[in-house]
PDB file of N, CA and C in Angstrom:
ATOM      1  N   UNK A   1     186.049 150.136 -98.222  1.00  0.00           N
ATOM      2  CA  UNK A   1     184.755 150.441 -97.624  1.00  0.00           C
ATOM      3  C   UNK A   1     183.676 149.631 -98.322  1.00  0.00           C
ATOM      4  N   UNK A   2     182.719 149.152 -97.557  1.00  0.00           N
ATOM      5  CA  UNK A   2     181.618 148.352 -98.079  1.00  0.00           C
ATOM      6  C   UNK A   2     180.316 149.102 -97.868  1.00  0.00           C
ATOM      7  N   UNK A   3     179.488 149.100 -98.887  1.00  0.00           N
ATOM      8  CA  UNK A   3     178.150 149.669 -98.761  1.00  0.00           C
ATOM      9  C   UNK A   3     177.114 148.626 -99.163  1.00  0.00           C
ATOM     10  N   UNK A   4     176.011 148.618 -98.440  1.00  0.00           N
ATOM     11  CA  UNK A   4     174.919 147.672 -98.700  1.00  0.00           C
ATOM     12  C   UNK A   4     173.647 148.459 -98.958  1.00  0.00           C
ATOM     13  N   UNK A   5     172.956 148.131-100.030  1.00  0.00           N
ATOM     14  CA  UNK A   5     171.717 148.824-100.375  1.00  0.00           C
ATOM     15  C   UNK A   5     170.614 147.790-100.558  1.00  0.00           C
ATOM     16  N   UNK A   6     169.595 147.907 -99.692  1.00  0.00           N
ATOM     17  CA  UNK A   6     168.467 146.977 -99.753  1.00  0.00           C
ATOM     18  C   UNK A   6     167.341 147.545-100.595  1.00  0.00           C
ATOM     19  N   UNK A   7     166.520 146.644-101.109  1.00  0.00           N
ATOM     20  CA  UNK A   7     165.311 147.042-101.827  1.00  0.00           C
ATOM     21  C   UNK A   7     164.319 145.901-101.757  1.00  0.00           C
ATOM     22  N   UNK A   8     163.057 146.220-102.048  1.00  0.00           N
ATOM     23  CA  UNK A   8     162.044 145.179-102.161  1.00  0.00           C
ATOM     24  C   UNK A   8     161.037 145.103-101.047  1.00  0.00           C
ATOM     25  N   UNK A   9     161.169 145.921-100.015  1.00  0.00           N
ATOM     26  CA  UNK A   9     160.198 145.877 -98.938  1.00  0.00           C
ATOM     27  C   UNK A   9     158.871 146.475 -99.367  1.00  0.00           C
ATOM     28  N   UNK A  10     157.885 146.379 -98.475  1.00  0.00           N
ATOM     29  CA  UNK A  10     156.580 146.946 -98.777  1.00  0.00           C
ATOM     30  C   UNK A  10     155.495 146.355 -97.921  1.00  0.00           C
ATOM     31  N   UNK A  11     154.266 146.608 -98.340  1.00  0.00           N
ATOM     32  CA  UNK A  11     153.075 146.123 -97.645  1.00  0.00           C
ATOM     33  C   UNK A  11     152.528 144.906 -98.393  1.00  0.00           C
ATOM     34  N   UNK A  12     152.258 143.855 -97.653  1.00  0.00           N
ATOM     35  CA  UNK A  12     151.740 142.630 -98.270  1.00  0.00           C
ATOM     36  C   UNK A  12     150.710 142.015 -97.335  1.00  0.00           C
ATOM     37  N   UNK A  13     149.735 141.332 -97.902  1.00  0.00           N
ATOM     38  CA  UNK A  13     148.715 140.676 -97.092  1.00  0.00           C
ATOM     39  C   UNK A  13     149.239 139.371 -96.508  1.00  0.00           C
ATOM     40  N   UNK A  14     148.668 138.937 -95.398  1.00  0.00           N
ATOM     41  CA  UNK A  14     149.060 137.637 -94.841  1.00  0.00           C
ATOM     42  C   UNK A  14     148.935 136.534 -95.878  1.00  0.00           C
ATOM     43  N   UNK A  15     149.931 135.671 -95.910  1.00  0.00           N
ATOM     44  CA  UNK A  15     149.971 134.602 -96.906  1.00  0.00           C
ATOM     45  C   UNK A  15     150.676 134.989 -98.178  1.00  0.00           C
ATOM     46  N   UNK A  16     151.001 136.251 -98.328  1.00  0.00           N
ATOM     47  CA  UNK A  16     151.638 136.740 -99.540  1.00  0.00           C
ATOM     48  C   UNK A  16     153.140 136.533 -99.547  1.00  0.00           C
ATOM     49  N   UNK A  17     153.757 137.052-100.612  1.00  0.00           N
ATOM     50  CA  UNK A  17     155.206 136.884-100.799  1.00  0.00           C
ATOM     51  C   UNK A  17     155.871 138.213-101.119  1.00  0.00           C
ATOM     52  N   UNK A  18     157.138 138.291-100.792  1.00  0.00           N
ATOM     53  CA  UNK A  18     157.978 139.435-101.150  1.00  0.00           C
ATOM     54  C   UNK A  18     159.386 138.922-101.370  1.00  0.00           C
ATOM     55  N   UNK A  19     160.143 139.632-102.200  1.00  0.00           N
ATOM     56  CA  UNK A  19     161.555 139.323-102.348  1.00  0.00           C
ATOM     57  C   UNK A  19     162.375 140.563-102.039  1.00  0.00           C
ATOM     58  N   UNK A  20     163.285 140.413-101.096  1.00  0.00           N
ATOM     59  CA  UNK A  20     164.217 141.486-100.754  1.00  0.00           C
ATOM     60  C   UNK A  20     165.532 141.249-101.479  1.00  0.00           C
ATOM     61  N   UNK A  21     166.158 142.356-101.853  1.00  0.00           N
ATOM     62  CA  UNK A  21     167.477 142.297-102.488  1.00  0.00           C
ATOM     63  C   UNK A  21     168.435 143.189-101.726  1.00  0.00           C
ATOM     64  N   UNK A  22     169.694 142.806-101.715  1.00  0.00           N
ATOM     65  CA  UNK A  22     170.732 143.611-101.091  1.00  0.00           C
ATOM     66  C   UNK A  22     171.967 143.546-101.976  1.00  0.00           C
ATOM     67  N   UNK A  23     172.328 144.688-102.524  1.00  0.00           N
ATOM     68  CA  UNK A  23     173.511 144.769-103.369  1.00  0.00           C
ATOM     69  C   UNK A  23     174.656 145.376-102.591  1.00  0.00           C
ATOM     70  N   UNK A  24     175.788 144.693-102.617  1.00  0.00           N
ATOM     71  CA  UNK A  24     176.975 145.154-101.921  1.00  0.00           C
ATOM     72  C   UNK A  24     177.955 145.770-102.909  1.00  0.00           C
ATOM     73  N   UNK A  25     178.602 146.837-102.483  1.00  0.00           N
ATOM     74  CA  UNK A  25     179.651 147.451-103.288  1.00  0.00           C
ATOM     75  C   UNK A  25     180.890 147.615-102.423  1.00  0.00           C
ATOM     76  N   UNK A  26     182.045 147.654-103.099  1.00  0.00           N
ATOM     77  CA  UNK A  26     183.300 147.748-102.375  1.00  0.00           C
ATOM     78  C   UNK A  26     184.078 146.451-102.504  1.00  0.00           C
ATOM     79  N   UNK A  27     184.935 146.213-101.551  1.00  0.00           N
ATOM     80  CA  UNK A  27     185.790 145.031-101.580  1.00  0.00           C
ATOM     81  C   UNK A  27     185.039 143.841-101.002  1.00  0.00           C
ATOM     82  N   UNK A  28     184.401 143.088-101.904  1.00  0.00           N
ATOM     83  CA  UNK A  28     183.566 141.957-101.499  1.00  0.00           C
ATOM     84  C   UNK A  28     184.152 140.667-102.052  1.00  0.00           C
ATOM     85  N   UNK A  29     184.155 139.652-101.220  1.00  0.00           N
ATOM     86  CA  UNK A  29     184.599 138.340-101.652  1.00  0.00           C
ATOM     87  C   UNK A  29     183.508 137.315-101.343  1.00  0.00           C
ATOM     88  N   UNK A  30     183.490 136.262-102.113  1.00  0.00           N
ATOM     89  CA  UNK A  30     182.439 135.261-101.940  1.00  0.00           C
ATOM     90  C   UNK A  30     182.513 134.573-100.586  1.00  0.00           C
ATOM     91  N   UNK A  31     183.652 134.628 -99.916  1.00  0.00           N
ATOM     92  CA  UNK A  31     183.760 133.990 -98.606  1.00  0.00           C
ATOM     93  C   UNK A  31     183.163 134.841 -97.488  1.00  0.00           C
ATOM     94  N   UNK A  32     182.872 136.101 -97.799  1.00  0.00           N
ATOM     95  CA  UNK A  32     182.305 136.987 -96.780  1.00  0.00           C
ATOM     96  C   UNK A  32     180.832 136.661 -96.597  1.00  0.00           C
ATOM     97  N   UNK A  33     180.447 136.196 -95.417  1.00  0.00           N
ATOM     98  CA  UNK A  33     179.043 135.843 -95.193  1.00  0.00           C
ATOM     99  C   UNK A  33     178.126 137.049 -95.367  1.00  0.00           C
ATOM    100  N   UNK A  34     176.988 136.783 -95.964  1.00  0.00           N
ATOM    101  CA  UNK A  34     175.951 137.813 -96.094  1.00  0.00           C
ATOM    102  C   UNK A  34     174.641 137.248 -95.586  1.00  0.00           C
ATOM    103  N   UNK A  35     173.851 138.111 -94.971  1.00  0.00           N
ATOM    104  CA  UNK A  35     172.602 137.616 -94.434  1.00  0.00           C
ATOM    105  C   UNK A  35     171.601 138.715 -94.182  1.00  0.00           C
ATOM    106  N   UNK A  36     170.503 138.320 -93.571  1.00  0.00           N
ATOM    107  CA  UNK A  36     169.402 139.227 -93.259  1.00  0.00           C
ATOM    108  C   UNK A  36     169.049 139.133 -91.780  1.00  0.00           C
ATOM    109  N   UNK A  37     168.841 140.297 -91.187  1.00  0.00           N
ATOM    110  CA  UNK A  37     168.338 140.421 -89.833  1.00  0.00           C
ATOM    111  C   UNK A  37     167.048 141.224 -89.913  1.00  0.00           C
ATOM    112  N   UNK A  38     166.272 141.200 -88.825  1.00  0.00           N
ATOM    113  CA  UNK A  38     165.082 142.034 -88.751  1.00  0.00           C
ATOM    114  C   UNK A  38     164.890 142.542 -87.334  1.00  0.00           C
ATOM    115  N   UNK A  39     164.207 143.676 -87.271  1.00  0.00           N
ATOM    116  CA  UNK A  39     163.912 144.272 -85.973  1.00  0.00           C
ATOM    117  C   UNK A  39     162.492 144.796 -85.988  1.00  0.00           C
ATOM    118  N   UNK A  40     161.677 144.221 -85.118  1.00  0.00           N
ATOM    119  CA  UNK A  40     160.295 144.675 -84.959  1.00  0.00           C
ATOM    120  C   UNK A  40     160.246 145.726 -83.859  1.00  0.00           C
ATOM    121  N   UNK A  41     159.231 146.570 -83.856  1.00  0.00           N
ATOM    122  CA  UNK A  41     159.128 147.611 -82.829  1.00  0.00           C
ATOM    123  C   UNK A  41     159.168 147.020 -81.424  1.00  0.00           C
ATOM    124  N   UNK A  42     160.030 147.575 -80.599  1.00  0.00           N
ATOM    125  CA  UNK A  42     160.122 147.137 -79.213  1.00  0.00           C
ATOM    126  C   UNK A  42     160.873 145.843 -78.999  1.00  0.00           C
ATOM    127  N   UNK A  43     161.449 145.301 -80.077  1.00  0.00           N
ATOM    128  CA  UNK A  43     162.179 144.030 -79.978  1.00  0.00           C
ATOM    129  C   UNK A  43     163.626 144.210 -80.419  1.00  0.00           C
ATOM    130  N   UNK A  44     164.454 143.246 -80.026  1.00  0.00           N
ATOM    131  CA  UNK A  44     165.845 143.279 -80.431  1.00  0.00           C
ATOM    132  C   UNK A  44     165.984 142.793 -81.880  1.00  0.00           C
ATOM    133  N   UNK A  45     167.062 143.218 -82.506  1.00  0.00           N
ATOM    134  CA  UNK A  45     167.350 142.749 -83.863  1.00  0.00           C
ATOM    135  C   UNK A  45     167.689 141.264 -83.801  1.00  0.00           C
ATOM    136  N   UNK A  46     167.133 140.496 -84.745  1.00  0.00           N
ATOM    137  CA  UNK A  46     167.346 139.053 -84.738  1.00  0.00           C
ATOM    138  C   UNK A  46     167.765 138.562 -86.118  1.00  0.00           C
ATOM    139  N   UNK A  47     168.534 137.492 -86.116  1.00  0.00           N
ATOM    140  CA  UNK A  47     168.952 136.881 -87.370  1.00  0.00           C
ATOM    141  C   UNK A  47     167.761 136.204 -88.040  1.00  0.00           C
ATOM    142  N   UNK A  48     167.632 136.421 -89.335  1.00  0.00           N
ATOM    143  CA  UNK A  48     166.601 135.756 -90.126  1.00  0.00           C
ATOM    144  C   UNK A  48     167.220 134.626 -90.944  1.00  0.00           C
ATOM    145  N   UNK A  49     168.254 134.954 -91.695  1.00  0.00           N
ATOM    146  CA  UNK A  49     168.892 133.953 -92.555  1.00  0.00           C
ATOM    147  C   UNK A  49     170.293 134.429 -92.904  1.00  0.00           C
ATOM    148  N   UNK A  50     171.184 133.476 -93.111  1.00  0.00           N
ATOM    149  CA  UNK A  50     172.559 133.817 -93.470  1.00  0.00           C
ATOM    150  C   UNK A  50     173.085 132.839 -94.504  1.00  0.00           C
ATOM    151  N   UNK A  51     173.873 133.373 -95.445  1.00  0.00           N
ATOM    152  CA  UNK A  51     174.487 132.573 -96.493  1.00  0.00           C
ATOM    153  C   UNK A  51     175.997 132.668 -96.287  1.00  0.00           C
ATOM    154  N   UNK A  52     176.597 131.509 -95.958  1.00  0.00           N
ATOM    155  CA  UNK A  52     178.015 131.511 -95.633  1.00  0.00           C
ATOM    156  C   UNK A  52     178.694 130.290 -96.225  1.00  0.00           C
ATOM    157  N   UNK A  53     179.665 130.516 -97.088  1.00  0.00           N
ATOM    158  CA  UNK A  53     180.434 129.428 -97.706  1.00  0.00           C
ATOM    159  C   UNK A  53     179.534 128.374 -98.326  1.00  0.00           C
ATOM    160  N   UNK A  54     178.485 128.824 -98.979  1.00  0.00           N
ATOM    161  CA  UNK A  54     177.569 127.908 -99.647  1.00  0.00           C
ATOM    162  C   UNK A  54     176.518 127.300 -98.743  1.00  0.00           C
ATOM    163  N   UNK A  55     176.608 127.570 -97.457  1.00  0.00           N
ATOM    164  CA  UNK A  55     175.625 127.041 -96.505  1.00  0.00           C
ATOM    165  C   UNK A  55     174.579 128.099 -96.164  1.00  0.00           C
ATOM    166  N   UNK A  56     173.372 127.618 -95.959  1.00  0.00           N
ATOM    167  CA  UNK A  56     172.267 128.501 -95.593  1.00  0.00           C
ATOM    168  C   UNK A  56     171.761 128.126 -94.209  1.00  0.00           C
ATOM    169  N   UNK A  57     171.574 129.126 -93.368  1.00  0.00           N
ATOM    170  CA  UNK A  57     171.008 128.887 -92.050  1.00  0.00           C
ATOM    171  C   UNK A  57     169.857 129.857 -91.826  1.00  0.00           C
ATOM    172  N   UNK A  58     168.829 129.346 -91.168  1.00  0.00           N
ATOM    173  CA  UNK A  58     167.606 130.124 -90.964  1.00  0.00           C
ATOM    174  C   UNK A  58     167.182 130.123 -89.508  1.00  0.00           C
ATOM    175  N   UNK A  59     166.510 131.198 -89.129  1.00  0.00           N
ATOM    176  CA  UNK A  59     165.837 131.203 -87.838  1.00  0.00           C
ATOM    177  C   UNK A  59     164.695 130.188 -87.903  1.00  0.00           C
ATOM    178  N   UNK A  60     164.415 129.559 -86.778  1.00  0.00           N
ATOM    179  CA  UNK A  60     163.346 128.548 -86.746  1.00  0.00           C
ATOM    180  C   UNK A  60     162.018 129.141 -87.201  1.00  0.00           C
ATOM    181  N   UNK A  61     161.796 130.404 -86.902  1.00  0.00           N
ATOM    182  CA  UNK A  61     160.514 131.040 -87.198  1.00  0.00           C
ATOM    183  C   UNK A  61     160.258 131.214 -88.698  1.00  0.00           C
ATOM    184  N   UNK A  62     161.301 131.101 -89.522  1.00  0.00           N
ATOM    185  CA  UNK A  62     161.113 131.315 -90.960  1.00  0.00           C
ATOM    186  C   UNK A  62     161.443 130.083 -91.795  1.00  0.00           C
ATOM    187  N   UNK A  63     161.919 129.027 -91.166  1.00  0.00           N
ATOM    188  CA  UNK A  63     162.264 127.810 -91.910  1.00  0.00           C
ATOM    189  C   UNK A  63     161.056 127.293 -92.691  1.00  0.00           C
ATOM    190  N   UNK A  64     161.314 126.952 -93.938  1.00  0.00           N
ATOM    191  CA  UNK A  64     160.249 126.450 -94.797  1.00  0.00           C
ATOM    192  C   UNK A  64     159.442 127.534 -95.472  1.00  0.00           C
ATOM    193  N   UNK A  65     159.628 128.785 -95.065  1.00  0.00           N
ATOM    194  CA  UNK A  65     158.867 129.898 -95.663  1.00  0.00           C
ATOM    195  C   UNK A  65     159.779 130.869 -96.396  1.00  0.00           C
ATOM    196  N   UNK A  66     160.994 131.055 -95.899  1.00  0.00           N
ATOM    197  CA  UNK A  66     161.948 132.001 -96.488  1.00  0.00           C
ATOM    198  C   UNK A  66     163.108 131.242 -97.115  1.00  0.00           C
ATOM    199  N   UNK A  67     163.656 131.813 -98.184  1.00  0.00           N
ATOM    200  CA  UNK A  67     164.824 131.238 -98.834  1.00  0.00           C
ATOM    201  C   UNK A  67     165.844 132.337 -99.113  1.00  0.00           C
ATOM    202  N   UNK A  68     167.066 132.112 -98.668  1.00  0.00           N
ATOM    203  CA  UNK A  68     168.142 133.054 -98.956  1.00  0.00           C
ATOM    204  C   UNK A  68     168.969 132.516-100.112  1.00  0.00           C
ATOM    205  N   UNK A  69     169.375 133.422-100.985  1.00  0.00           N
ATOM    206  CA  UNK A  69     170.234 133.043-102.098  1.00  0.00           C
ATOM    207  C   UNK A  69     171.222 134.172-102.357  1.00  0.00           C
ATOM    208  N   UNK A  70     172.243 133.840-103.136  1.00  0.00           N
ATOM    209  CA  UNK A  70     173.316 134.813-103.358  1.00  0.00           C
ATOM    210  C   UNK A  70     173.827 134.681-104.786  1.00  0.00           C
ATOM    211  N   UNK A  71     174.035 135.827-105.405  1.00  0.00           N
ATOM    212  CA  UNK A  71     174.632 135.897-106.735  1.00  0.00           C
ATOM    213  C   UNK A  71     175.975 136.600-106.583  1.00  0.00           C
ATOM    214  N   UNK A  72     177.047 135.824-106.564  1.00  0.00           N
ATOM    215  CA  UNK A  72     178.368 136.418-106.326  1.00  0.00           C
ATOM    216  C   UNK A  72     178.808 137.330-107.473  1.00  0.00           C
ATOM    217  N   UNK A  73     178.362 137.039-108.667  1.00  0.00           N
ATOM    218  CA  UNK A  73     178.728 137.879-109.808  1.00  0.00           C
ATOM    219  C   UNK A  73     178.145 139.285-109.672  1.00  0.00           C
ATOM    220  N   UNK A  74     177.005 139.375-109.000  1.00  0.00           N
ATOM    221  CA  UNK A  74     176.348 140.670-108.798  1.00  0.00           C
ATOM    222  C   UNK A  74     176.548 141.210-107.387  1.00  0.00           C
ATOM    223  N   UNK A  75     177.298 140.481-106.549  1.00  0.00           N
ATOM    224  CA  UNK A  75     177.479 140.881-105.142  1.00  0.00           C
ATOM    225  C   UNK A  75     176.128 141.166-104.482  1.00  0.00           C
ATOM    226  N   UNK A  76     175.174 140.321-104.732  1.00  0.00           N
ATOM    227  CA  UNK A  76     173.818 140.544-104.260  1.00  0.00           C
ATOM    228  C   UNK A  76     173.309 139.312-103.520  1.00  0.00           C
ATOM    229  N   UNK A  77     172.620 139.578-102.412  1.00  0.00           N
ATOM    230  CA  UNK A  77     171.958 138.514-101.670  1.00  0.00           C
ATOM    231  C   UNK A  77     170.462 138.798-101.688  1.00  0.00           C
ATOM    232  N   UNK A  78     169.686 137.747-101.783  1.00  0.00           N
ATOM    233  CA  UNK A  78     168.235 137.865-101.870  1.00  0.00           C
ATOM    234  C   UNK A  78     167.578 137.129-100.707  1.00  0.00           C
ATOM    235  N   UNK A  79     166.394 137.583-100.347  1.00  0.00           N
ATOM    236  CA  UNK A  79     165.576 136.871 -99.381  1.00  0.00           C
ATOM    237  C   UNK A  79     164.184 136.743 -99.973  1.00  0.00           C
ATOM    238  N   UNK A  80     163.845 135.532-100.387  1.00  0.00           N
ATOM    239  CA  UNK A  80     162.514 135.260-100.886  1.00  0.00           C
ATOM    240  C   UNK A  80     161.650 134.856 -99.705  1.00  0.00           C
ATOM    241  N   UNK A  81     160.608 135.649 -99.457  1.00  0.00           N
ATOM    242  CA  UNK A  81     159.754 135.419 -98.297  1.00  0.00           C
ATOM    243  C   UNK A  81     158.379 134.980 -98.774  1.00  0.00           C
ATOM    244  N   UNK A  82     157.897 133.868 -98.233  1.00  0.00           N
ATOM    245  CA  UNK A  82     156.583 133.375 -98.594  1.00  0.00           C
ATOM    246  C   UNK A  82     155.752 133.066 -97.360  1.00  0.00           C
ATOM    247  N   UNK A  83     154.470 132.833 -97.579  1.00  0.00           N
ATOM    248  CA  UNK A  83     153.537 132.543 -96.475  1.00  0.00           C
ATOM    249  C   UNK A  83     153.729 133.539 -95.338  1.00  0.00           C
ATOM    250  N   UNK A  84     153.786 134.801 -95.706  1.00  0.00           N
ATOM    251  CA  UNK A  84     154.084 135.833 -94.720  1.00  0.00           C
ATOM    252  C   UNK A  84     152.988 135.948 -93.677  1.00  0.00           C
ATOM    253  N   UNK A  85     153.440 136.252 -92.465  1.00  0.00           N
ATOM    254  CA  UNK A  85     152.554 136.381 -91.315  1.00  0.00           C
ATOM    255  C   UNK A  85     152.687 137.790 -90.741  1.00  0.00           C
ATOM    256  N   UNK A  86     151.675 138.254 -90.012  1.00  0.00           N
ATOM    257  CA  UNK A  86     151.795 139.585 -89.393  1.00  0.00           C
ATOM    258  C   UNK A  86     153.034 139.697 -88.498  1.00  0.00           C
ATOM    259  N   UNK A  87     153.422 138.606 -87.868  1.00  0.00           N
ATOM    260  CA  UNK A  87     154.600 138.663 -86.993  1.00  0.00           C
ATOM    261  C   UNK A  87     155.915 138.783 -87.761  1.00  0.00           C
ATOM    262  N   UNK A  88     155.882 138.700 -89.083  1.00  0.00           N
ATOM    263  CA  UNK A  88     157.072 138.962 -89.891  1.00  0.00           C
ATOM    264  C   UNK A  88     157.282 140.459 -90.123  1.00  0.00           C
ATOM    265  N   UNK A  89     156.323 141.256 -89.692  1.00  0.00           N
ATOM    266  CA  UNK A  89     156.447 142.701 -89.852  1.00  0.00           C
ATOM    267  C   UNK A  89     157.652 143.224 -89.079  1.00  0.00           C
ATOM    268  N   UNK A  90     158.529 143.920 -89.772  1.00  0.00           N
ATOM    269  CA  UNK A  90     159.759 144.424 -89.166  1.00  0.00           C
ATOM    270  C   UNK A  90     160.537 145.229 -90.205  1.00  0.00           C
ATOM    271  N   UNK A  91     161.568 145.899 -89.726  1.00  0.00           N
ATOM    272  CA  UNK A  91     162.563 146.457 -90.637  1.00  0.00           C
ATOM    273  C   UNK A  91     163.613 145.368 -90.869  1.00  0.00           C
ATOM    274  N   UNK A  92     163.862 145.084 -92.118  1.00  0.00           N
ATOM    275  CA  UNK A  92     164.814 144.032 -92.490  1.00  0.00           C
ATOM    276  C   UNK A  92     166.132 144.683 -92.898  1.00  0.00           C
ATOM    277  N   UNK A  93     167.216 144.182 -92.313  1.00  0.00           N
ATOM    278  CA  UNK A  93     168.539 144.736 -92.562  1.00  0.00           C
ATOM    279  C   UNK A  93     169.438 143.690 -93.215  1.00  0.00           C
ATOM    280  N   UNK A  94     170.149 144.121 -94.222  1.00  0.00           N
ATOM    281  CA  UNK A  94     171.170 143.289 -94.831  1.00  0.00           C
ATOM    282  C   UNK A  94     172.463 143.424 -94.021  1.00  0.00           C
ATOM    283  N   UNK A  95     173.199 142.339 -93.955  1.00  0.00           N
ATOM    284  CA  UNK A  95     174.432 142.311 -93.163  1.00  0.00           C
ATOM    285  C   UNK A  95     175.528 141.585 -93.928  1.00  0.00           C
ATOM    286  N   UNK A  96     176.735 142.096 -93.816  1.00  0.00           N
ATOM    287  CA  UNK A  96     177.894 141.427 -94.415  1.00  0.00           C
ATOM    288  C   UNK A  96     179.019 141.444 -93.401  1.00  0.00           C
ATOM    289  N   UNK A  97     179.744 140.345 -93.319  1.00  0.00           N
ATOM    290  CA  UNK A  97     180.910 140.252 -92.437  1.00  0.00           C
ATOM    291  C   UNK A  97     182.157 140.082 -93.297  1.00  0.00           C
ATOM    292  N   UNK A  98     183.086 141.006 -93.146  1.00  0.00           N
ATOM    293  CA  UNK A  98     184.355 140.881 -93.854  1.00  0.00           C
ATOM    294  C   UNK A  98     185.224 139.887 -93.097  1.00  0.00           C
ATOM    295  N   UNK A  99     185.466 138.747 -93.703  1.00  0.00           N
ATOM    296  CA  UNK A  99     186.256 137.711 -93.046  1.00  0.00           C
ATOM    297  C   UNK A  99     187.660 138.216 -92.717  1.00  0.00           C
ATOM    298  N   UNK A 100     188.224 139.033 -93.596  1.00  0.00           N
ATOM    299  CA  UNK A 100     189.610 139.482 -93.415  1.00  0.00           C
ATOM    300  C   UNK A 100     189.778 140.353 -92.172  1.00  0.00           C
ATOM    301  N   UNK A 101     188.728 141.104 -91.800  1.00  0.00           N
ATOM    302  CA  UNK A 101     188.857 142.042 -90.685  1.00  0.00           C
ATOM    303  C   UNK A 101     187.906 141.742 -89.540  1.00  0.00           C
ATOM    304  N   UNK A 102     186.881 140.934 -89.794  1.00  0.00           N
ATOM    305  CA  UNK A 102     185.867 140.666 -88.780  1.00  0.00           C
ATOM    306  C   UNK A 102     184.845 141.788 -88.649  1.00  0.00           C
ATOM    307  N   UNK A 103     184.958 142.794 -89.467  1.00  0.00           N
ATOM    308  CA  UNK A 103     184.045 143.936 -89.350  1.00  0.00           C
ATOM    309  C   UNK A 103     182.689 143.595 -89.976  1.00  0.00           C
ATOM    310  N   UNK A 104     181.633 144.080 -89.322  1.00  0.00           N
ATOM    311  CA  UNK A 104     180.271 143.924 -89.828  1.00  0.00           C
ATOM    312  C   UNK A 104     179.803 145.201 -90.525  1.00  0.00           C
ATOM    313  N   UNK A 105     179.071 145.019 -91.579  1.00  0.00           N
ATOM    314  CA  UNK A 105     178.468 146.136 -92.292  1.00  0.00           C
ATOM    315  C   UNK A 105     176.957 145.916 -92.350  1.00  0.00           C
ATOM    316  N   UNK A 106     176.222 147.044 -92.303  1.00  0.00           N
ATOM    317  CA  UNK A 106     174.763 146.990 -92.318  1.00  0.00           C
ATOM    318  C   UNK A 106     174.213 147.875 -93.421  1.00  0.00           C
ATOM    319  N   UNK A 107     173.080 147.432 -93.977  1.00  0.00           N
ATOM    320  CA  UNK A 107     172.339 148.292 -94.879  1.00  0.00           C
ATOM    321  C   UNK A 107     171.474 149.248 -94.075  1.00  0.00           C
ATOM    322  N   UNK A 108     170.734 150.092 -94.801  1.00  0.00           N
ATOM    323  CA  UNK A 108     169.917 151.104 -94.142  1.00  0.00           C
ATOM    324  C   UNK A 108     168.587 150.545 -93.659  1.00  0.00           C
ATOM    325  N   UNK A 109     168.236 149.354 -94.112  1.00  0.00           N
ATOM    326  CA  UNK A 109     166.994 148.729 -93.691  1.00  0.00           C
ATOM    327  C   UNK A 109     165.860 148.973 -94.667  1.00  0.00           C
ATOM    328  N   UNK A 110     164.968 148.006 -94.764  1.00  0.00           N
ATOM    329  CA  UNK A 110     163.777 148.137 -95.597  1.00  0.00           C
ATOM    330  C   UNK A 110     162.586 147.592 -94.822  1.00  0.00           C
ATOM    331  N   UNK A 111     161.499 148.361 -94.837  1.00  0.00           N
ATOM    332  CA  UNK A 111     160.322 148.002 -94.036  1.00  0.00           C
ATOM    333  C   UNK A 111     159.503 146.934 -94.754  1.00  0.00           C
ATOM    334  N   UNK A 112     159.140 145.905 -94.002  1.00  0.00           N
ATOM    335  CA  UNK A 112     158.199 144.895 -94.473  1.00  0.00           C
ATOM    336  C   UNK A 112     157.017 144.899 -93.520  1.00  0.00           C
ATOM    337  N   UNK A 113     155.832 145.116 -94.064  1.00  0.00           N
ATOM    338  CA  UNK A 113     154.616 145.147 -93.262  1.00  0.00           C
ATOM    339  C   UNK A 113     153.643 144.108 -93.806  1.00  0.00           C
ATOM    340  N   UNK A 114     153.219 143.204 -92.927  1.00  0.00           N
ATOM    341  CA  UNK A 114     152.273 142.155 -93.310  1.00  0.00           C
ATOM    342  C   UNK A 114     150.956 142.447 -92.597  1.00  0.00           C
ATOM    343  N   UNK A 115     149.983 142.841 -93.374  1.00  0.00           N
ATOM    344  CA  UNK A 115     148.715 143.253 -92.784  1.00  0.00           C
ATOM    345  C   UNK A 115     147.608 143.163 -93.810  1.00  0.00           C
ATOM    346  N   UNK A 116     146.411 142.866 -93.316  1.00  0.00           N
ATOM    347  CA  UNK A 116     145.255 142.847 -94.213  1.00  0.00           C
ATOM    348  C   UNK A 116     144.540 144.189 -94.182  1.00  0.00           C
TER     349      UNK A 116
END
C-alpha cells in the first residue's frame, strides 16, 4: 500500500513563491513516476508537473515558473512554485504511479490560494 502526504500550501500574494512537498510511504521505487496535479473550482483536474525516470515535464501554463524535483532517498517530490498568479489558485494533489501494477495513488490535496 502507498500513502502520499502533501504539505506546504497556503495563501500567497501574486508574484510570490511557495514550495509543496509530498512524502510517499510504502513500496516505492525510483522508477515510479511522481507528479503534481491541480483542480480549481468548477474545473477538471489537470497535470501540473511530473518527474519520471529523471525527466521533468510541465504544463505549458507553469513552464518557467514551477520546478519539480525528487529526493529518492526521502521518497519525496517537491514543487517549487514562483511568480504565482491568481489563476494558479487550486487544490494541488500529489500523484504516484506504480509501474509494476499501473495503479495510481493520490494525496489528500493541499490548498494554494494566490490573492492580494
